[in-house]
Structures are given as C-alpha cells and as structure tokens.
C-alpha cells in the first residue's frame, strides 16, 4: 500500500526564458507545457515556484521551437534581459481549472507497477527528457535506477495516488535499461 503523503505543487514549471527578442521587450520562451497552444488560458507566469512576482502575459506567438512572449511592464530589451535564463512557473489553477489533469510533478514518489501482476518495479524519482522523449527515472528496491520511457502505448494508466501502471509486453527489450 502506498502511504505517500500527496502534496500537489501549486505552481509548476512552465518553461525557461532562453533570450530576448527584438527591442520591445519580447522574450524567447522554451515552453515545457504540452499542447498546440500551451499557454492558452494562462494569464500569468511567475518567477518562483511559490508564486512570487507575477508577470501578466500580453501576447504569445510561435517562432520555430520557442514562443515569443510579451509581458505587461516589460517593454524594453533591457527589462527583458533580466529574465534571461530564468525558469517561469504557471499556477495549477490556471493550467487545470477543473482539477482533472495529472502532471508529471504529481507522479514523483509514486510506484511504477506492472499492470497485469501488480508487481512494483520501484518508485518514480524524476521525470525528464533524455533526447528522444520523456523518461521516468525509477528507484529500484536494490538502490539502482531504471529509466522507463513515457510512451503512451506502454502506459496502461496513471494515478497520482496509486501509481503508474505499465505493461512490460509493450516495453521492448532494450528500452527499459537498468543502470
């Protein structure tokens, strides 16, 4: 039984300011959120994971692999340069007003479980990108780590309380490497 205390972060990483763009204060924003319009419905981004110092979004447009974001009150390249390299956060409330979504941050600390036998492989320690896609870093009972690809076809279900249920038949040999 999973006795993990569930603590949902109120502010989640939305992305990182890569650089400034032009002279009117826009920034090049590497967005970590999924979707065709990842900042749709989000009015503010925050400077800290506790929600301090908010920036109201004035406009967003796509340029290649980044978003060009303009914030109210940041109207010069000098002001925009102060955000360069900063991670910005979005409020869970704005990302998921209905409270129905599961975010990767909610899965840290839950078990990775084989769906057919309920065998617990280990505990999800991190979720990150390793080139071609997202990977769960799983802490095995013997202290080693395993990477498990976050591939829709291999995941049977995800529950932020019970765990992530996977099918090993869908995980081809060599894709789930034990370190």
C-alpha atoms as a PDB file:
ATOM      1  CA  UNK A   1       0.000   0.000   0.000  1.00  0.00           C
ATOM      2  CA  UNK A   2       1.301   3.444  -0.916  1.00  0.00           C
ATOM      3  CA  UNK A   3       1.399   5.656   2.185  1.00  0.00           C
ATOM      4  CA  UNK A   4       2.982   8.612   0.410  1.00  0.00           C
ATOM      5  CA  UNK A   5       1.634  11.948   1.535  1.00  0.00           C
ATOM      6  CA  UNK A   6       0.247  13.691  -1.534  1.00  0.00           C
ATOM      7  CA  UNK A   7       1.437  17.258  -1.824  1.00  0.00           C
ATOM      8  CA  UNK A   8       0.442  18.919  -5.052  1.00  0.00           C
ATOM      9  CA  UNK A   9       2.583  21.832  -6.094  1.00  0.00           C
ATOM     10  CA  UNK A  10       0.535  24.999  -6.576  1.00  0.00           C
ATOM     11  CA  UNK A  11       2.955  26.309  -9.212  1.00  0.00           C
ATOM     12  CA  UNK A  12       4.506  24.123 -11.911  1.00  0.00           C
ATOM     13  CA  UNK A  13       7.443  24.766 -14.219  1.00  0.00           C
ATOM     14  CA  UNK A  14       6.070  26.268 -17.424  1.00  0.00           C
ATOM     15  CA  UNK A  15       9.379  26.842 -19.192  1.00  0.00           C
ATOM     16  CA  UNK A  16      12.552  28.857 -19.391  1.00  0.00           C
ATOM     17  CA  UNK A  17      13.399  32.219 -20.899  1.00  0.00           C
ATOM     18  CA  UNK A  18      16.127  31.494 -23.427  1.00  0.00           C
ATOM     19  CA  UNK A  19      16.825  35.009 -24.641  1.00  0.00           C
ATOM     20  CA  UNK A  20      15.382  38.377 -25.586  1.00  0.00           C
ATOM     21  CA  UNK A  21      13.770  39.056 -28.958  1.00  0.00           C
ATOM     22  CA  UNK A  22      13.909  42.406 -30.737  1.00  0.00           C
ATOM     23  CA  UNK A  23      13.687  45.715 -28.901  1.00  0.00           C
ATOM     24  CA  UNK A  24      10.171  45.922 -27.486  1.00  0.00           C
ATOM     25  CA  UNK A  25      10.632  43.501 -24.574  1.00  0.00           C
ATOM     26  CA  UNK A  26       9.618  40.146 -26.007  1.00  0.00           C
ATOM     27  CA  UNK A  27      11.398  37.037 -24.750  1.00  0.00           C
ATOM     28  CA  UNK A  28      12.132  33.700 -26.392  1.00  0.00           C
ATOM     29  CA  UNK A  29      10.414  31.192 -24.132  1.00  0.00           C
ATOM     30  CA  UNK A  30      11.144  27.453 -24.178  1.00  0.00           C
ATOM     31  CA  UNK A  31       7.790  26.083 -23.074  1.00  0.00           C
ATOM     32  CA  UNK A  32       7.618  22.822 -21.105  1.00  0.00           C
ATOM     33  CA  UNK A  33       3.841  22.540 -21.406  1.00  0.00           C
ATOM     34  CA  UNK A  34       2.150  20.242 -23.919  1.00  0.00           C
ATOM     35  CA  UNK A  35      -0.471  21.088 -26.460  1.00  0.00           C
ATOM     36  CA  UNK A  36      -0.939  23.029 -29.637  1.00  0.00           C
ATOM     37  CA  UNK A  37      -1.360  26.287 -27.725  1.00  0.00           C
ATOM     38  CA  UNK A  38       0.420  25.552 -24.440  1.00  0.00           C
ATOM     39  CA  UNK A  39      -0.091  28.980 -22.837  1.00  0.00           C
ATOM     40  CA  UNK A  40      -3.746  29.270 -23.876  1.00  0.00           C
ATOM     41  CA  UNK A  41      -5.826  30.236 -20.863  1.00  0.00           C
ATOM     42  CA  UNK A  42      -2.786  31.210 -18.817  1.00  0.00           C
ATOM     43  CA  UNK A  43      -2.744  34.907 -17.937  1.00  0.00           C
ATOM     44  CA  UNK A  44       0.285  34.982 -15.642  1.00  0.00           C
ATOM     45  CA  UNK A  45       3.687  33.383 -15.256  1.00  0.00           C
ATOM     46  CA  UNK A  46       5.620  33.539 -12.001  1.00  0.00           C
ATOM     47  CA  UNK A  47       9.285  33.975 -11.160  1.00  0.00           C
ATOM     48  CA  UNK A  48       9.374  31.497  -8.273  1.00  0.00           C
ATOM     49  CA  UNK A  49       7.828  28.088  -7.553  1.00  0.00           C
ATOM     50  CA  UNK A  50       5.962  29.690  -4.658  1.00  0.00           C
ATOM     51  CA  UNK A  51       4.197  32.154  -6.967  1.00  0.00           C
ATOM     52  CA  UNK A  52       6.090  35.292  -6.063  1.00  0.00           C
ATOM     53  CA  UNK A  53       6.474  38.078  -8.632  1.00  0.00           C
ATOM     54  CA  UNK A  54       3.899  37.527 -11.363  1.00  0.00           C
ATOM     55  CA  UNK A  55       4.127  38.660 -14.953  1.00  0.00           C
ATOM     56  CA  UNK A  56       0.904  39.221 -16.871  1.00  0.00           C
ATOM     57  CA  UNK A  57       1.082  37.807 -20.379  1.00  0.00           C
ATOM     58  CA  UNK A  58       0.219  40.396 -23.022  1.00  0.00           C
ATOM     59  CA  UNK A  59       0.852  38.283 -26.139  1.00  0.00           C
ATOM     60  CA  UNK A  60       2.205  34.917 -27.259  1.00  0.00           C
ATOM     61  CA  UNK A  61       3.255  33.808 -30.722  1.00  0.00           C
ATOM     62  CA  UNK A  62       5.199  30.863 -32.096  1.00  0.00           C
ATOM     63  CA  UNK A  63       8.636  31.196 -33.677  1.00  0.00           C
ATOM     64  CA  UNK A  64      10.236  27.881 -34.564  1.00  0.00           C
ATOM     65  CA  UNK A  65      10.714  25.814 -31.417  1.00  0.00           C
ATOM     66  CA  UNK A  66      10.099  28.697 -28.979  1.00  0.00           C
ATOM     67  CA  UNK A  67       7.293  31.017 -28.048  1.00  0.00           C
ATOM     68  CA  UNK A  68       7.735  34.769 -28.244  1.00  0.00           C
ATOM     69  CA  UNK A  69       6.110  36.138 -25.107  1.00  0.00           C
ATOM     70  CA  UNK A  70       5.458  39.756 -24.237  1.00  0.00           C
ATOM     71  CA  UNK A  71       4.658  40.634 -20.624  1.00  0.00           C
ATOM     72  CA  UNK A  72       2.940  43.755 -19.310  1.00  0.00           C
ATOM     73  CA  UNK A  73       5.510  46.160 -17.883  1.00  0.00           C
ATOM     74  CA  UNK A  74       8.422  44.625 -19.780  1.00  0.00           C
ATOM     75  CA  UNK A  75       8.679  46.931 -22.754  1.00  0.00           C
ATOM     76  CA  UNK A  76      12.412  47.212 -23.429  1.00  0.00           C
ATOM     77  CA  UNK A  77      15.143  44.757 -24.291  1.00  0.00           C
ATOM     78  CA  UNK A  78      16.945  45.820 -21.089  1.00  0.00           C
ATOM     79  CA  UNK A  79      13.991  44.825 -18.907  1.00  0.00           C
ATOM     80  CA  UNK A  80      13.537  41.588 -20.864  1.00  0.00           C
ATOM     81  CA  UNK A  81      17.216  40.688 -20.457  1.00  0.00           C
ATOM     82  CA  UNK A  82      16.687  40.446 -16.679  1.00  0.00           C
ATOM     83  CA  UNK A  83      14.547  37.355 -17.318  1.00  0.00           C
ATOM     84  CA  UNK A  84      17.141  35.595 -19.482  1.00  0.00           C
ATOM     85  CA  UNK A  85      17.883  32.108 -18.146  1.00  0.00           C
ATOM     86  CA  UNK A  86      15.016  32.209 -15.611  1.00  0.00           C
ATOM     87  CA  UNK A  87      12.571  29.361 -15.180  1.00  0.00           C
ATOM     88  CA  UNK A  88       8.987  30.631 -15.044  1.00  0.00           C
ATOM     89  CA  UNK A  89       6.065  28.906 -13.356  1.00  0.00           C
ATOM     90  CA  UNK A  90       2.331  28.663 -14.034  1.00  0.00           C
ATOM     91  CA  UNK A  91      -0.346  28.219 -11.400  1.00  0.00           C
ATOM     92  CA  UNK A  92      -2.014  24.828 -11.243  1.00  0.00           C
ATOM     93  CA  UNK A  93      -5.336  26.657 -11.028  1.00  0.00           C
ATOM     94  CA  UNK A  94      -4.809  28.324 -14.415  1.00  0.00           C
ATOM     95  CA  UNK A  95      -3.367  25.178 -16.032  1.00  0.00           C
ATOM     96  CA  UNK A  96      -6.174  22.926 -14.813  1.00  0.00           C
ATOM     97  CA  UNK A  97      -9.235  24.896 -13.642  1.00  0.00           C
ATOM     98  CA  UNK A  98     -11.301  21.691 -13.348  1.00  0.00           C
ATOM     99  CA  UNK A  99      -8.672  19.864 -11.293  1.00  0.00           C
ATOM    100  CA  UNK A 100      -8.792  16.800 -13.545  1.00  0.00           C
ATOM    101  CA  UNK A 101      -5.278  16.684 -15.034  1.00  0.00           C
ATOM    102  CA  UNK A 102      -2.276  14.716 -13.766  1.00  0.00           C
ATOM    103  CA  UNK A 103       1.065  16.483 -14.147  1.00  0.00           C
ATOM    104  CA  UNK A 104       4.466  14.805 -14.154  1.00  0.00           C
ATOM    105  CA  UNK A 105       5.231  16.638 -10.902  1.00  0.00           C
ATOM    106  CA  UNK A 106       2.306  14.719  -9.318  1.00  0.00           C
ATOM    107  CA  UNK A 107       3.940  11.382 -10.134  1.00  0.00           C
ATOM    108  CA  UNK A 108       7.176  11.906  -8.204  1.00  0.00           C
ATOM    109  CA  UNK A 109       7.159   9.399  -5.342  1.00  0.00           C
ATOM    110  CA  UNK A 110       4.500   7.038  -6.741  1.00  0.00           C
ATOM    111  CA  UNK A 111       5.289   3.433  -7.654  1.00  0.00           C
ATOM    112  CA  UNK A 112       5.837   2.134 -11.200  1.00  0.00           C
ATOM    113  CA  UNK A 113       3.726  -1.019 -11.330  1.00  0.00           C
ATOM    114  CA  UNK A 114       3.382  -3.887 -13.821  1.00  0.00           C
ATOM    115  CA  UNK A 115      -0.329  -3.760 -14.669  1.00  0.00           C
ATOM    116  CA  UNK A 116      -1.071  -7.495 -15.042  1.00  0.00           C
ATOM    117  CA  UNK A 117       0.640  -8.782 -11.878  1.00  0.00           C
ATOM    118  CA  UNK A 118       0.722  -5.627  -9.720  1.00  0.00           C
ATOM    119  CA  UNK A 119       4.484  -6.125  -9.318  1.00  0.00           C
ATOM    120  CA  UNK A 120       6.066  -2.898  -8.098  1.00  0.00           C
ATOM    121  CA  UNK A 121       9.243  -2.163 -10.050  1.00  0.00           C
ATOM    122  CA  UNK A 122      10.201   0.794  -7.874  1.00  0.00           C
ATOM    123  CA  UNK A 123       9.395   4.419  -7.106  1.00  0.00           C
ATOM    124  CA  UNK A 124       9.354   7.219  -9.661  1.00  0.00           C
ATOM    125  CA  UNK A 125      12.095   9.612  -8.600  1.00  0.00           C
ATOM    126  CA  UNK A 126      12.099  12.022 -11.537  1.00  0.00           C
ATOM    127  CA  UNK A 127      10.656  12.706 -14.957  1.00  0.00           C
ATOM    128  CA  UNK A 128      12.900  14.266 -17.550  1.00  0.00           C
ATOM    129  CA  UNK A 129      13.872  14.481 -21.161  1.00  0.00           C
ATOM    130  CA  UNK A 130      16.760  12.401 -22.404  1.00  0.00           C
ATOM    131  CA  UNK A 131      16.925  13.271 -26.098  1.00  0.00           C
ATOM    132  CA  UNK A 132      14.159  11.479 -27.974  1.00  0.00           C
ATOM    133  CA  UNK A 133      11.478  11.773 -25.297  1.00  0.00           C
ATOM    134  CA  UNK A 134      10.438  11.847 -21.682  1.00  0.00           C
ATOM    135  CA  UNK A 135      11.652   9.195 -19.229  1.00  0.00           C
ATOM    136  CA  UNK A 136      10.654   8.178 -15.736  1.00  0.00           C
ATOM    137  CA  UNK A 137      13.696   7.681 -13.505  1.00  0.00           C
ATOM    138  CA  UNK A 138      12.681   4.815 -11.223  1.00  0.00           C
ATOM    139  CA  UNK A 139      14.467   3.960  -7.980  1.00  0.00           C
ATOM    140  CA  UNK A 140      14.529   0.167  -7.703  1.00  0.00           C
ATOM    141  CA  UNK A 141      14.295  -1.595  -4.319  1.00  0.00           C
ATOM    142  CA  UNK A 142      18.011  -2.539  -4.510  1.00  0.00           C
ATOM    143  CA  UNK A 143      19.025   1.129  -4.886  1.00  0.00           C
ATOM    144  CA  UNK A 144      19.759   1.049  -8.608  1.00  0.00           C
ATOM    145  CA  UNK A 145      17.924   3.279 -11.077  1.00  0.00           C
ATOM    146  CA  UNK A 146      15.959   2.333 -14.169  1.00  0.00           C
ATOM    147  CA  UNK A 147      14.782   4.597 -16.973  1.00  0.00           C
ATOM    148  CA  UNK A 148      11.325   3.872 -18.312  1.00  0.00           C
ATOM    149  CA  UNK A 149      10.167   5.680 -21.464  1.00  0.00           C
ATOM    150  CA  UNK A 150       6.992   7.723 -21.162  1.00  0.00           C
ATOM    151  CA  UNK A 151       5.325   6.248 -24.244  1.00  0.00           C
ATOM    152  CA  UNK A 152       1.534   6.349 -24.396  1.00  0.00           C
ATOM    153  CA  UNK A 153       1.276   2.812 -25.794  1.00  0.00           C
ATOM    154  CA  UNK A 154       3.256   1.333 -22.893  1.00  0.00           C
ATOM    155  CA  UNK A 155       1.361   3.081 -20.091  1.00  0.00           C
ATOM    156  CA  UNK A 156      -1.876   1.411 -19.060  1.00  0.00           C
ATOM    157  CA  UNK A 157      -2.913   4.075 -16.536  1.00  0.00           C
ATOM    158  CA  UNK A 158      -1.561   6.857 -14.338  1.00  0.00           C
ATOM    159  CA  UNK A 159      -2.911   7.742 -10.924  1.00  0.00           C
ATOM    160  CA  UNK A 160      -1.210  10.338  -8.726  1.00  0.00           C
ATOM    161  CA  UNK A 161      -2.120   8.304  -5.625  1.00  0.00           C
ATOM    162  CA  UNK A 162      -1.913   4.639  -6.699  1.00  0.00           C
ATOM    163  CA  UNK A 163       0.942   4.819  -9.205  1.00  0.00           C
ATOM    164  CA  UNK A 164       1.791   4.420 -12.866  1.00  0.00           C
ATOM    165  CA  UNK A 165       0.683   1.093 -14.323  1.00  0.00           C
ATOM    166  CA  UNK A 166       2.659  -0.238 -17.285  1.00  0.00           C
ATOM    167  CA  UNK A 167       2.690  -3.323 -19.473  1.00  0.00           C
ATOM    168  CA  UNK A 168       6.111  -4.977 -19.873  1.00  0.00           C
ATOM    169  CA  UNK A 169       4.861  -6.654 -23.052  1.00  0.00           C
ATOM    170  CA  UNK A 170       4.763  -3.153 -24.528  1.00  0.00           C
ATOM    171  CA  UNK A 171       8.260  -2.334 -23.316  1.00  0.00           C
ATOM    172  CA  UNK A 172      10.583  -3.955 -25.852  1.00  0.00           C
ATOM    173  CA  UNK A 173      13.845  -5.368 -24.557  1.00  0.00           C
ATOM    174  CA  UNK A 174      16.475  -2.651 -24.516  1.00  0.00           C
ATOM    175  CA  UNK A 175      14.042   0.216 -23.967  1.00  0.00           C
ATOM    176  CA  UNK A 176      13.952  -0.184 -20.187  1.00  0.00           C
ATOM    177  CA  UNK A 177      17.602  -0.219 -19.217  1.00  0.00           C
ATOM    178  CA  UNK A 178      18.697  -0.839 -15.654  1.00  0.00           C
ATOM    179  CA  UNK A 179      21.754   1.237 -14.691  1.00  0.00           C
END
